[in-house]
Structures are given as C-alpha cells and as structure tokens.
C-alpha cells in the first residue's frame, strides 16, 4: 500500500491500531497509574496481566 494512494479509512484504521498497541503496552508494563486505576476498581493487581493472557 503506497501512502499516496491510501484511503482515509485505511489510514484511520492504522492510527487506531497504533493507539491500541500503545495502550496495551502501557497496560502490560504496569505503570503506577495503571495499577492504581485497577486497584481503584477493586481488581487484584495481576488483572491487567491476566487480561493480556486471555
């Protein structure tokens, strides 16, 4: 797929895919804010990791 002939939908799909990948990497890394958010929801600490394994 050449960039000059890429449709708006395919570019949008790639942007969304990259955003999901970044969000998943942050979740998997288990930064402090992510752990606090899971704890605030009353979920155990390993839930974020377990969600990646399912």
C-alpha atoms as a PDB file:
ATOM      1  CA  UNK A   1       0.000   0.000   0.000  1.00  0.00           C
ATOM      2  CA  UNK A   2       1.537   3.269  -1.063  1.00  0.00           C
ATOM      3  CA  UNK A   3       0.931   6.264   1.169  1.00  0.00           C
ATOM      4  CA  UNK A   4      -0.196   8.428  -1.731  1.00  0.00           C
ATOM      5  CA  UNK A   5      -2.987   6.024  -2.665  1.00  0.00           C
ATOM      6  CA  UNK A   6      -4.025   5.055   0.880  1.00  0.00           C
ATOM      7  CA  UNK A   7      -7.652   5.752   1.632  1.00  0.00           C
ATOM      8  CA  UNK A   8      -8.817   7.747   4.610  1.00  0.00           C
ATOM      9  CA  UNK A   9     -10.325   4.615   6.161  1.00  0.00           C
ATOM     10  CA  UNK A  10      -7.092   2.632   5.967  1.00  0.00           C
ATOM     11  CA  UNK A  11      -5.080   5.498   7.468  1.00  0.00           C
ATOM     12  CA  UNK A  12      -7.639   5.859  10.247  1.00  0.00           C
ATOM     13  CA  UNK A  13      -7.523   2.095  10.881  1.00  0.00           C
ATOM     14  CA  UNK A  14      -3.724   2.196  11.164  1.00  0.00           C
ATOM     15  CA  UNK A  15      -3.871   5.120  13.614  1.00  0.00           C
ATOM     16  CA  UNK A  16      -6.428   3.311  15.768  1.00  0.00           C
ATOM     17  CA  UNK A  17      -4.342   0.119  15.695  1.00  0.00           C
ATOM     18  CA  UNK A  18      -1.246   2.021  16.829  1.00  0.00           C
ATOM     19  CA  UNK A  19      -3.196   3.687  19.646  1.00  0.00           C
ATOM     20  CA  UNK A  20      -4.475   0.312  20.842  1.00  0.00           C
ATOM     21  CA  UNK A  21      -0.947  -1.124  20.705  1.00  0.00           C
ATOM     22  CA  UNK A  22       0.451   1.764  22.748  1.00  0.00           C
ATOM     23  CA  UNK A  23      -2.363   1.494  25.302  1.00  0.00           C
ATOM     24  CA  UNK A  24      -1.764  -2.255  25.552  1.00  0.00           C
ATOM     25  CA  UNK A  25       1.965  -1.775  26.052  1.00  0.00           C
ATOM     26  CA  UNK A  26       1.332   0.727  28.849  1.00  0.00           C
ATOM     27  CA  UNK A  27      -1.132  -1.682  30.440  1.00  0.00           C
ATOM     28  CA  UNK A  28       1.281  -4.582  30.132  1.00  0.00           C
ATOM     29  CA  UNK A  29       4.155  -2.533  31.568  1.00  0.00           C
ATOM     30  CA  UNK A  30       2.013  -1.967  34.667  1.00  0.00           C
ATOM     31  CA  UNK A  31       2.925   1.629  35.368  1.00  0.00           C
ATOM     32  CA  UNK A  32       1.841   3.071  38.712  1.00  0.00           C
ATOM     33  CA  UNK A  33      -1.190   4.918  37.356  1.00  0.00           C
ATOM     34  CA  UNK A  34      -2.471   1.771  35.652  1.00  0.00           C
ATOM     35  CA  UNK A  35      -2.065  -0.257  38.842  1.00  0.00           C
ATOM     36  CA  UNK A  36      -3.839   2.449  40.862  1.00  0.00           C
ATOM     37  CA  UNK A  37      -6.734   2.504  38.386  1.00  0.00           C
ATOM     38  CA  UNK A  38      -7.184  -1.264  38.615  1.00  0.00           C
ATOM     39  CA  UNK A  39      -6.961  -1.069  42.431  1.00  0.00           C
ATOM     40  CA  UNK A  40      -9.499   1.771  42.488  1.00  0.00           C
ATOM     41  CA  UNK A  41     -11.913  -0.501  40.614  1.00  0.00           C
ATOM     42  CA  UNK A  42     -11.355  -3.177  43.261  1.00  0.00           C
ATOM     43  CA  UNK A  43      -9.476  -5.544  40.966  1.00  0.00           C
ATOM     44  CA  UNK A  44      -6.408  -7.566  42.028  1.00  0.00           C
ATOM     45  CA  UNK A  45      -3.016  -6.346  40.865  1.00  0.00           C
ATOM     46  CA  UNK A  46      -2.452  -9.088  38.291  1.00  0.00           C
ATOM     47  CA  UNK A  47      -5.734  -8.493  36.458  1.00  0.00           C
ATOM     48  CA  UNK A  48      -4.093  -6.263  33.868  1.00  0.00           C
ATOM     49  CA  UNK A  49      -1.565  -9.005  33.112  1.00  0.00           C
ATOM     50  CA  UNK A  50      -4.232 -11.719  33.136  1.00  0.00           C
ATOM     51  CA  UNK A  51      -6.355  -9.762  30.674  1.00  0.00           C
ATOM     52  CA  UNK A  52      -3.458  -9.910  28.221  1.00  0.00           C
ATOM     53  CA  UNK A  53      -3.189 -13.695  28.616  1.00  0.00           C
ATOM     54  CA  UNK A  54      -6.867 -14.424  27.919  1.00  0.00           C
END
